Protein backbone atom coordinates (compact mmCIF):
# COMPACT_ATOMS: atom_id res chain seq x y z
CA MET A 1 1.74 -25.16 9.08
CA ARG A 2 0.73 -24.11 5.57
CA VAL A 3 -0.39 -20.59 4.60
CA LEU A 4 -2.14 -19.64 1.38
CA LEU A 5 -0.38 -16.53 0.00
CA LEU A 6 -2.12 -14.57 -2.76
CA SER A 7 0.03 -12.18 -4.76
CA HIS A 8 1.10 -11.01 -8.17
CA THR A 9 3.95 -13.12 -9.53
CA THR A 10 6.24 -10.07 -9.41
CA GLY A 11 5.39 -8.91 -5.89
CA TYR A 12 8.43 -7.60 -3.96
CA GLN A 13 7.25 -9.25 -0.74
CA LEU A 14 7.06 -12.79 -2.06
CA ARG A 15 10.71 -13.44 -1.25
CA ALA A 16 10.34 -11.88 2.21
CA PHE A 17 7.40 -14.14 3.04
CA ASN A 18 9.20 -17.15 1.58
CA ASP A 19 12.28 -16.45 3.73
CA ALA A 20 10.08 -15.97 6.80
CA ALA A 21 8.27 -19.25 6.14
CA GLU A 22 11.57 -21.10 5.86
CA ARG A 23 12.77 -19.67 9.18
CA LEU A 24 9.53 -20.74 10.86
CA GLY A 25 9.32 -24.14 9.19
CA PHE A 26 6.06 -23.15 7.48
CA GLU A 27 5.02 -24.02 3.95
CA LEU A 28 3.52 -21.48 1.56
CA LEU A 29 0.88 -22.33 -1.01
CA PHE A 30 1.04 -19.58 -3.61
CA ALA A 31 -1.94 -18.35 -5.60
CA THR A 32 -0.67 -15.92 -8.24
CA ASP A 33 -1.68 -14.39 -11.54
CA ARG A 34 0.84 -16.49 -13.46
CA CYS A 35 -0.03 -17.71 -16.94
CA HIS A 36 -2.58 -20.49 -16.53
CA ARG A 37 -1.69 -21.99 -19.91
CA LEU A 38 1.87 -22.89 -18.95
CA ASP A 39 2.78 -25.72 -16.63
CA ASP A 40 4.29 -24.11 -13.52
CA PRO A 41 6.47 -21.52 -15.32
CA TRP A 42 7.86 -20.14 -12.04
CA GLN A 43 8.51 -23.59 -10.54
CA ASP A 44 6.64 -22.67 -7.37
CA ARG A 45 3.60 -24.97 -7.79
CA ALA A 46 1.39 -21.91 -7.49
CA VAL A 47 -2.34 -22.04 -8.13
CA ALA A 48 -2.98 -19.99 -11.26
CA VAL A 49 -5.68 -17.40 -10.52
CA ARG A 50 -7.18 -14.32 -12.11
CA PHE A 51 -7.99 -11.64 -9.60
CA HIS A 52 -10.90 -10.36 -11.66
CA ASP A 53 -12.42 -13.86 -12.00
CA ILE A 54 -13.25 -14.53 -8.37
CA ASP A 55 -15.53 -17.58 -8.68
CA ALA A 56 -13.25 -19.61 -10.94
CA SER A 57 -10.20 -18.66 -8.88
CA VAL A 58 -11.84 -19.65 -5.60
CA ALA A 59 -12.76 -22.99 -7.14
CA ALA A 60 -9.14 -23.56 -8.20
CA ILE A 61 -7.88 -22.68 -4.72
CA VAL A 62 -10.40 -24.93 -2.98
CA LYS A 63 -9.47 -27.80 -5.30
CA ARG A 64 -5.77 -27.45 -4.43
CA ALA A 65 -6.55 -27.02 -0.73
CA ARG A 66 -8.24 -30.43 -0.72
CA GLU A 67 -4.86 -31.89 -1.65
CA SER A 68 -2.81 -29.49 0.50
CA PRO A 69 -4.94 -28.17 3.40
CA VAL A 70 -4.07 -24.66 4.57
CA ASP A 71 -4.10 -23.17 8.06
CA GLY A 72 -4.14 -19.48 7.20
CA VAL A 73 -4.48 -16.88 4.46
CA MET A 74 -2.36 -13.87 3.52
CA ALA A 75 -2.65 -11.33 0.68
CA VAL A 76 0.14 -9.13 -0.67
CA GLY A 77 -0.93 -6.03 -2.57
CA ASP A 78 -4.42 -4.59 -3.00
CA GLN A 79 -5.73 -6.47 -6.01
CA PRO A 80 -5.45 -9.97 -4.45
CA VAL A 81 -7.37 -8.91 -1.30
CA PRO A 82 -10.98 -9.58 -2.46
CA LEU A 83 -10.02 -13.02 -3.77
CA ALA A 84 -8.19 -13.78 -0.52
CA ALA A 85 -11.31 -12.93 1.47
CA ARG A 86 -13.54 -15.12 -0.67
CA ALA A 87 -11.01 -17.98 -0.55
CA ALA A 88 -10.77 -17.73 3.25
CA GLU A 89 -14.56 -17.83 3.50
CA ALA A 90 -14.75 -20.90 1.25
CA LEU A 91 -12.01 -22.66 3.26
CA GLY A 92 -13.56 -21.82 6.63
CA ILE A 93 -10.58 -19.71 7.71
CA VAL A 94 -11.07 -16.59 9.81
CA TRP A 95 -9.97 -13.52 7.84
CA HIS A 96 -11.34 -10.20 6.64
CA THR A 97 -14.91 -10.38 5.32
CA PRO A 98 -15.45 -10.31 1.54
CA ALA A 99 -17.46 -7.09 1.88
CA GLY A 100 -14.72 -5.48 3.94
CA ALA A 101 -12.02 -6.61 1.53
CA ALA A 102 -13.94 -5.14 -1.41
CA ALA A 103 -14.48 -1.84 0.42
CA SER A 104 -10.81 -1.57 1.38
CA ILE A 105 -9.67 -1.37 -2.26
CA ASP A 106 -12.50 0.91 -3.46
CA LYS A 107 -12.12 4.49 -2.24
CA ARG A 108 -15.77 5.27 -3.01
CA ARG A 109 -17.12 2.36 -0.95
CA SER A 110 -14.63 3.06 1.80
CA ARG A 111 -15.62 6.72 2.08
CA ALA A 112 -19.32 5.82 2.12
CA ALA A 113 -18.81 3.21 4.86
CA LEU A 114 -16.84 5.60 7.08
CA ALA A 115 -19.37 8.39 6.63
CA ALA A 116 -22.26 6.01 7.39
CA ALA A 117 -20.52 5.00 10.61
CA GLY A 118 -20.30 8.65 11.66
CA LEU A 119 -16.51 8.76 11.55
CA PRO A 120 -14.67 11.94 10.54
CA SER A 121 -14.34 11.74 6.78
CA PRO A 122 -13.85 14.22 3.94
CA ARG A 123 -17.02 15.10 2.05
CA PHE A 124 -16.90 13.47 -1.35
CA THR A 125 -18.61 12.79 -4.62
CA THR A 126 -17.91 10.64 -7.66
CA LEU A 127 -17.00 11.92 -11.10
CA HIS A 128 -17.75 9.57 -13.99
CA ILE A 129 -15.45 9.36 -16.98
CA GLU A 130 -16.87 9.37 -20.47
CA ASP A 131 -15.29 8.98 -23.89
CA ALA A 132 -14.88 12.29 -25.65
CA GLY A 133 -13.85 13.06 -29.20
CA ASN A 134 -10.13 13.22 -28.49
CA GLY A 135 -9.96 10.42 -25.95
CA PRO A 136 -11.03 9.95 -22.34
CA ALA A 137 -12.16 13.09 -20.54
CA ALA A 138 -13.98 13.83 -17.32
CA GLN A 139 -17.26 15.63 -17.03
CA ALA A 140 -17.48 19.14 -15.61
CA PRO A 141 -17.17 19.60 -11.82
CA PRO A 142 -20.34 18.32 -10.18
CA GLU A 143 -22.72 20.43 -8.11
CA SER A 144 -21.74 18.65 -4.93
CA GLY A 145 -21.38 21.45 -2.41
CA LEU A 146 -17.62 20.90 -2.27
CA ASP A 147 -15.37 23.95 -2.23
CA PHE A 148 -11.87 24.31 -3.60
CA PRO A 149 -9.33 23.02 -2.91
CA MET A 150 -10.42 19.48 -3.79
CA VAL A 151 -8.50 16.24 -4.16
CA LEU A 152 -9.17 13.93 -7.11
CA LYS A 153 -8.29 10.23 -6.80
CA PRO A 154 -8.69 7.09 -8.91
CA LEU A 155 -10.99 4.70 -7.07
CA GLY A 156 -8.71 1.69 -7.14
CA LEU A 157 -5.06 2.79 -7.38
CA SER A 158 -2.68 2.99 -4.42
CA GLY A 159 0.61 4.61 -3.49
CA SER A 160 -0.71 8.14 -4.27
CA ARG A 161 -0.87 7.20 -7.93
CA GLY A 162 -3.19 9.56 -9.78
CA VAL A 163 -3.94 11.66 -6.69
CA ILE A 164 -4.06 15.39 -7.57
CA ARG A 165 -5.10 18.51 -5.68
CA ALA A 166 -7.11 21.09 -7.62
CA ASP A 167 -7.39 24.66 -6.33
CA ASN A 168 -9.71 26.06 -9.02
CA GLU A 169 -11.85 25.03 -11.99
CA ASP A 170 -8.98 25.07 -14.50
CA ALA A 171 -6.87 22.86 -12.24
CA PHE A 172 -9.90 20.59 -11.73
CA ALA A 173 -10.35 20.15 -15.48
CA ALA A 174 -6.64 19.46 -16.01
CA ALA A 175 -6.50 16.99 -13.11
CA SER A 176 -9.61 15.07 -14.15
CA ALA A 177 -8.34 14.77 -17.73
CA ARG A 178 -4.94 13.60 -16.51
CA ILE A 179 -6.44 10.94 -14.25
CA ALA A 180 -8.79 9.82 -17.03
CA ALA A 181 -5.80 9.36 -19.34
CA LEU A 182 -4.01 7.34 -16.66
CA LEU A 183 -7.02 5.09 -16.13
CA ALA A 184 -7.28 4.53 -19.89
CA ARG A 185 -3.82 2.97 -20.06
CA PRO A 186 -3.93 -0.65 -21.29
CA GLN A 187 -2.00 -2.04 -18.32
CA ILE A 188 -4.51 -0.49 -15.90
CA ARG A 189 -7.55 -1.54 -17.93
CA ALA A 190 -6.10 -5.06 -18.11
CA ALA A 191 -6.46 -5.42 -14.35
CA ARG A 192 -10.24 -5.35 -14.87
CA SER A 193 -10.91 -4.19 -11.34
CA GLY A 194 -14.14 -2.46 -12.33
CA LEU A 195 -12.85 0.77 -10.80
CA GLU A 196 -11.47 2.42 -13.94
CA ASP A 197 -14.48 4.47 -14.99
CA ALA A 198 -14.85 6.96 -12.13
CA ILE A 199 -12.83 9.38 -10.01
CA LEU A 200 -13.34 10.17 -6.34
CA VAL A 201 -13.53 13.91 -5.63
CA GLU A 202 -13.22 14.94 -2.00
CA GLU A 203 -12.55 18.02 0.07
CA TYR A 204 -8.93 18.69 0.92
CA ILE A 205 -8.11 18.27 4.61
CA PRO A 206 -5.04 20.29 5.64
CA GLY A 207 -2.86 18.56 8.18
CA ARG A 208 -0.10 16.09 8.96
CA GLU A 209 -0.11 12.52 7.64
CA PHE A 210 0.71 9.32 9.46
CA ALA A 211 0.67 5.61 8.69
CA ILE A 212 -0.24 2.80 11.07
CA GLU A 213 0.88 -0.79 10.61
CA GLY A 214 -0.85 -3.52 12.55
CA ALA A 215 -3.10 -6.55 12.62
CA LEU A 216 -6.70 -7.13 13.62
CA THR A 217 -7.59 -10.10 15.81
CA ASP A 218 -11.36 -10.56 15.93
CA GLY A 219 -11.73 -6.83 15.34
CA SER A 220 -9.17 -5.74 17.96
CA LEU A 221 -6.18 -3.81 16.60
CA THR A 222 -2.60 -4.55 17.58
CA VAL A 223 -0.39 -1.66 16.45
CA PHE A 224 3.07 -2.66 15.27
CA ALA A 225 4.23 0.86 14.41
CA THR A 226 2.98 4.41 13.95
CA PHE A 227 4.93 6.23 11.23
CA ASP A 228 5.46 9.95 10.87
CA LYS A 229 5.57 11.25 7.30
CA PRO A 230 7.89 14.21 7.88
CA ASP A 231 7.71 15.65 4.36
CA PRO A 232 4.63 17.86 3.81
CA LEU A 233 1.92 16.25 1.70
CA GLU A 234 0.03 19.29 0.48
CA GLY A 235 -0.19 18.73 -3.28
CA PRO A 236 -0.60 19.18 -6.13
CA PHE A 237 0.72 15.61 -5.96
CA PHE A 238 1.10 13.52 -2.81
CA GLU A 239 4.34 11.60 -3.15
CA GLU A 240 5.20 9.62 -0.04
CA THR A 241 8.94 9.69 0.56
CA ILE A 242 9.94 9.05 4.19
CA TYR A 243 8.37 6.96 6.95
CA VAL A 244 9.85 7.28 10.45
CA THR A 245 8.96 5.33 13.57
CA PRO A 246 8.34 5.73 16.45
CA SER A 247 6.15 8.73 15.86
CA ARG A 248 7.22 11.95 17.54
CA VAL A 249 3.66 13.04 18.37
CA PRO A 250 2.33 12.62 21.93
CA GLU A 251 1.22 9.16 23.03
CA THR A 252 -2.33 10.42 23.50
CA LEU A 253 -2.58 11.32 19.81
CA ARG A 254 -1.08 7.98 18.78
CA GLN A 255 -3.69 6.20 20.86
CA ARG A 256 -6.49 8.25 19.30
CA MET A 257 -5.22 7.45 15.80
CA ALA A 258 -5.13 3.75 16.65
CA ALA A 259 -8.66 3.90 18.06
CA CYS A 260 -9.90 5.68 14.92
CA VAL A 261 -8.23 3.10 12.67
CA GLN A 262 -9.85 0.26 14.61
CA GLU A 263 -13.27 1.93 14.33
CA ALA A 264 -12.74 2.53 10.62
CA ALA A 265 -11.67 -1.07 10.04
CA VAL A 266 -14.76 -2.40 11.78
CA ALA A 267 -16.93 0.02 9.80
CA LEU A 268 -15.47 -1.33 6.57
CA GLY A 269 -15.96 -4.96 7.59
CA LEU A 270 -12.34 -5.86 8.30
CA ARG A 271 -11.93 -8.15 11.27
CA HIS A 272 -8.92 -10.47 11.20
CA GLY A 273 -5.60 -10.04 9.43
CA PRO A 274 -3.02 -7.40 8.56
CA VAL A 275 -3.94 -3.75 8.08
CA HIS A 276 -2.04 -0.76 6.75
CA ALA A 277 -3.81 2.53 7.45
CA GLU A 278 -3.24 6.14 6.44
CA CYS A 279 -4.43 9.03 8.63
CA ARG A 280 -4.44 12.80 8.40
CA VAL A 281 -4.58 14.88 11.56
CA ALA A 282 -6.09 18.34 11.08
CA ALA A 283 -5.04 21.50 12.87
CA ASP A 284 -7.77 20.96 15.50
CA GLU A 285 -6.35 17.45 16.15
CA GLU A 286 -9.34 15.76 14.49
CA VAL A 287 -8.23 12.41 13.07
CA TYR A 288 -9.35 11.54 9.54
CA VAL A 289 -8.75 7.95 8.44
CA LEU A 290 -7.94 8.18 4.74
CA GLU A 291 -7.78 4.44 4.09
CA VAL A 292 -7.44 1.06 5.77
CA ALA A 293 -5.87 -1.55 3.50
CA ALA A 294 -6.35 -5.24 4.31
CA ARG A 295 -2.71 -6.06 3.66
CA PRO A 296 0.76 -5.31 5.01
CA ILE A 297 2.84 -2.26 4.09
CA GLY A 298 3.77 -2.45 0.41
CA GLY A 299 6.92 -3.18 -1.54
CA ILE A 300 10.02 -3.93 0.50
CA CYS A 301 9.17 -1.23 3.05
CA SER A 302 8.48 -3.96 5.60
CA ARG A 303 12.24 -4.18 6.14
CA VAL A 304 11.95 -1.01 8.22
CA LEU A 305 10.26 -3.08 10.94
CA THR A 306 12.18 -5.52 13.12
CA PHE A 307 10.65 -7.23 16.14
CA SER A 308 11.96 -8.80 19.31
CA ARG A 309 10.30 -11.50 21.33
CA ARG A 310 10.69 -12.87 24.79
CA GLY A 311 13.43 -15.42 24.49
CA GLY A 312 15.59 -13.28 22.20
CA GLY A 313 16.24 -13.01 18.49
CA GLU A 314 15.10 -10.63 15.77
CA HIS A 315 12.00 -11.27 13.72
CA SER A 316 10.61 -9.75 10.53
CA LEU A 317 7.13 -8.38 9.99
CA GLU A 318 6.43 -11.35 7.71
CA GLU A 319 7.26 -13.80 10.50
CA VAL A 320 4.84 -12.06 12.87
CA LEU A 321 2.09 -12.04 10.24
CA LEU A 322 2.54 -15.71 9.40
CA HIS A 323 2.19 -16.59 13.10
CA HIS A 324 -0.96 -14.47 13.22
CA ALA A 325 -2.35 -16.08 10.05
CA VAL A 326 -2.34 -19.54 11.62
CA GLY A 327 -3.95 -18.35 14.85
CA ARG A 328 -0.88 -18.03 17.04
CA PRO A 329 -0.76 -15.11 19.52
CA ILE A 330 1.44 -12.16 18.64
CA HIS A 331 1.16 -10.11 21.83
CA ASP A 332 4.70 -11.08 22.90
CA TYR A 333 6.26 -9.47 19.80
CA SER A 334 7.37 -5.86 20.10
CA ARG A 335 9.11 -3.53 17.69
CA GLU A 336 12.80 -3.02 18.37
CA ALA A 337 13.86 -0.19 20.67
CA ARG A 338 15.80 1.75 18.02
CA ALA A 339 14.13 4.30 15.78
CA ALA A 340 13.86 3.36 12.11
CA ALA A 341 13.21 5.08 8.81
CA VAL A 342 12.68 4.18 5.18
CA MET A 343 12.87 6.48 2.18
CA MET A 344 10.97 5.52 -0.95
CA ILE A 345 13.29 7.18 -3.47
CA PRO A 346 11.16 9.42 -5.68
CA ILE A 347 11.40 9.65 -9.45
CA GLY A 348 12.22 13.21 -10.37
CA GLN A 349 11.71 13.15 -14.13
CA ARG A 350 10.33 11.05 -16.95
CA GLY A 351 12.94 9.22 -18.99
CA MET A 352 14.98 6.06 -19.45
CA PHE A 353 16.89 4.90 -16.39
CA LYS A 354 20.58 4.37 -17.14
CA GLY A 355 22.06 3.73 -13.72
CA VAL A 356 23.05 5.12 -10.33
CA SER A 357 26.26 6.31 -8.73
CA GLY A 358 27.09 7.17 -5.15
CA ASP A 359 25.31 4.14 -3.77
CA GLU A 360 28.40 2.77 -2.02
CA GLU A 361 28.96 6.13 -0.33
CA ALA A 362 25.29 6.20 0.65
CA ARG A 363 25.58 2.79 2.28
CA ARG A 364 28.45 4.08 4.42
CA VAL A 365 26.38 6.88 5.96
CA PRO A 366 26.17 6.27 9.73
CA GLY A 367 22.83 4.70 10.59
CA VAL A 368 22.06 3.50 7.07
CA THR A 369 21.37 -0.25 7.05
CA ASP A 370 20.64 -0.76 3.35
CA VAL A 371 20.25 1.00 0.01
CA THR A 372 18.29 -1.04 -2.52
CA ILE A 373 17.87 0.26 -6.07
CA THR A 374 14.86 -1.46 -7.63
CA ALA A 375 14.76 0.44 -10.95
CA LYS A 376 16.40 -1.51 -13.77
CA PRO A 377 18.66 -0.05 -16.48
CA GLY A 378 16.57 0.53 -19.59
CA GLN A 379 13.37 0.95 -17.58
CA LEU A 380 11.11 3.82 -18.58
CA LEU A 381 10.48 5.96 -15.50
CA GLU A 382 7.87 8.60 -14.85
CA PRO A 383 7.13 10.67 -11.76
CA LEU A 384 3.85 11.02 -9.92
CA PRO A 385 0.98 11.25 -10.45
CA GLU A 386 1.43 8.62 -13.19
CA ALA A 387 4.27 6.71 -11.49
CA GLY A 388 3.62 3.17 -10.32
CA SER A 389 7.04 2.55 -8.76
CA TYR A 390 10.05 4.10 -7.02
CA LEU A 391 13.74 4.25 -7.88
CA GLY A 392 14.50 2.23 -4.76
CA PHE A 393 14.57 2.31 -0.97
CA ILE A 394 16.92 3.55 1.76
CA PHE A 395 16.71 2.08 5.27
CA SER A 396 18.21 3.37 8.50
CA ARG A 397 18.28 2.92 12.26
CA GLY A 398 19.03 5.54 14.90
CA VAL A 399 18.91 6.36 18.58
CA THR A 400 16.11 8.84 17.89
CA PRO A 401 13.61 9.28 15.05
CA ALA A 402 15.48 12.46 14.05
CA ASP A 403 18.72 10.46 13.73
CA ALA A 404 17.09 7.83 11.52
CA GLU A 405 15.48 10.49 9.33
CA ALA A 406 18.75 12.40 8.95
CA SER A 407 20.53 9.24 7.83
CA VAL A 408 18.16 8.49 4.95
CA ARG A 409 18.21 12.12 3.83
CA GLU A 410 22.01 12.20 3.78
CA ALA A 411 22.19 8.89 1.88
CA HIS A 412 19.70 10.20 -0.67
CA ARG A 413 21.78 13.37 -1.13
CA LEU A 414 24.75 11.22 -2.19
CA LEU A 415 22.86 9.29 -4.86
CA GLN A 416 23.09 10.42 -8.48
CA PHE A 417 20.62 8.89 -10.94
CA ALA A 418 21.26 8.93 -14.68
CA ILE A 419 17.94 9.34 -16.48
CA THR A 420 17.81 10.29 -20.16
CA ARG A 421 15.65 13.21 -21.16
CA ASP A 422 12.12 12.21 -22.11
CA LEU A 423 11.43 12.66 -25.81
CA GLY A 424 7.67 12.31 -25.32
CA VAL A 425 7.46 8.96 -27.11
CA ASN A 426 4.91 6.31 -26.15
CA ARG A 427 3.18 8.36 -23.50
């Protein structure tokens, strides 16, 4: 079996999918944004694509697929998703629709689709960015009928990047200017997603947040895990830190969240493939689907999920998804019985990363299964809302969700990060 995998060349999950493919005896055909002028610089025989140049990239993929036919499609990260959908369509492979893929990475289109389907959704409007005398600035708050507090979000960024709560007009002006400056950065403009010139403004929904990991099969959702996010996400920034599964909320609420995610996915046009969804449950137990991404959980967070199957053995999320991509049933996979947690280690201050201590002690905390520091010495770090990465990840297992959560918190307490003070250069 051969699966077309679309990703950035530096995607964390590439190795995980490659390892999974080797265990299964599958072959991966990579389509990545590597330099198209060099002859296979990564030695992976990847098809060189540009995620903003869909037509030319689809043509390149179809040409290679004539030589090496593929049985399934997978996308890692948000930006490759629209190209993956168009490639699947051109190759005659069942996957998410191109319209659904495009909506899943555009918060404005996603909100409009959910509202049109009559699903609970925050009221929203769009704020356009214009060039002002001293650089990018946002226009004044629109007459939209929205009341404070509001949440401002870039249309196309993920991982809470650029998401800011504003409680009054001064905070609104500061937030919109800060997001505009973020969207003006060369590395973001270089992505050429077409989503850099506007900001989504929506009403703030108080409540608890959850994440759902699963896969759609002809529009029917199989839930792999429902994650609690135990740290409050109330603003002004919305940094995700800990995911814990299984969720500690009642089964009836978990089922309602899953049903809402399936409805939202269908409303967007997603039908077949992995999904990662974010939900907020209000005080009255109303479920608001904040987003449904047509891809697996990001980074190396997938390590938090381990599956068993009739016949024994442990299996990774990537193995399950590769089976699904080629049309094999996945109903006999189930998440392990133990509770599990992952902490995405937050960046506390802007500065140059020098190193970490206490990591060996952290690894010895009962329940901790791994501590992976992904920041590199000499790397310039910055916290949310500008941050595009984490310091690393802590994984744990436990008898109960509370045990798993306590383990990652204790491991994090033992870590000491050396970060030089920011001198305000090259902001």
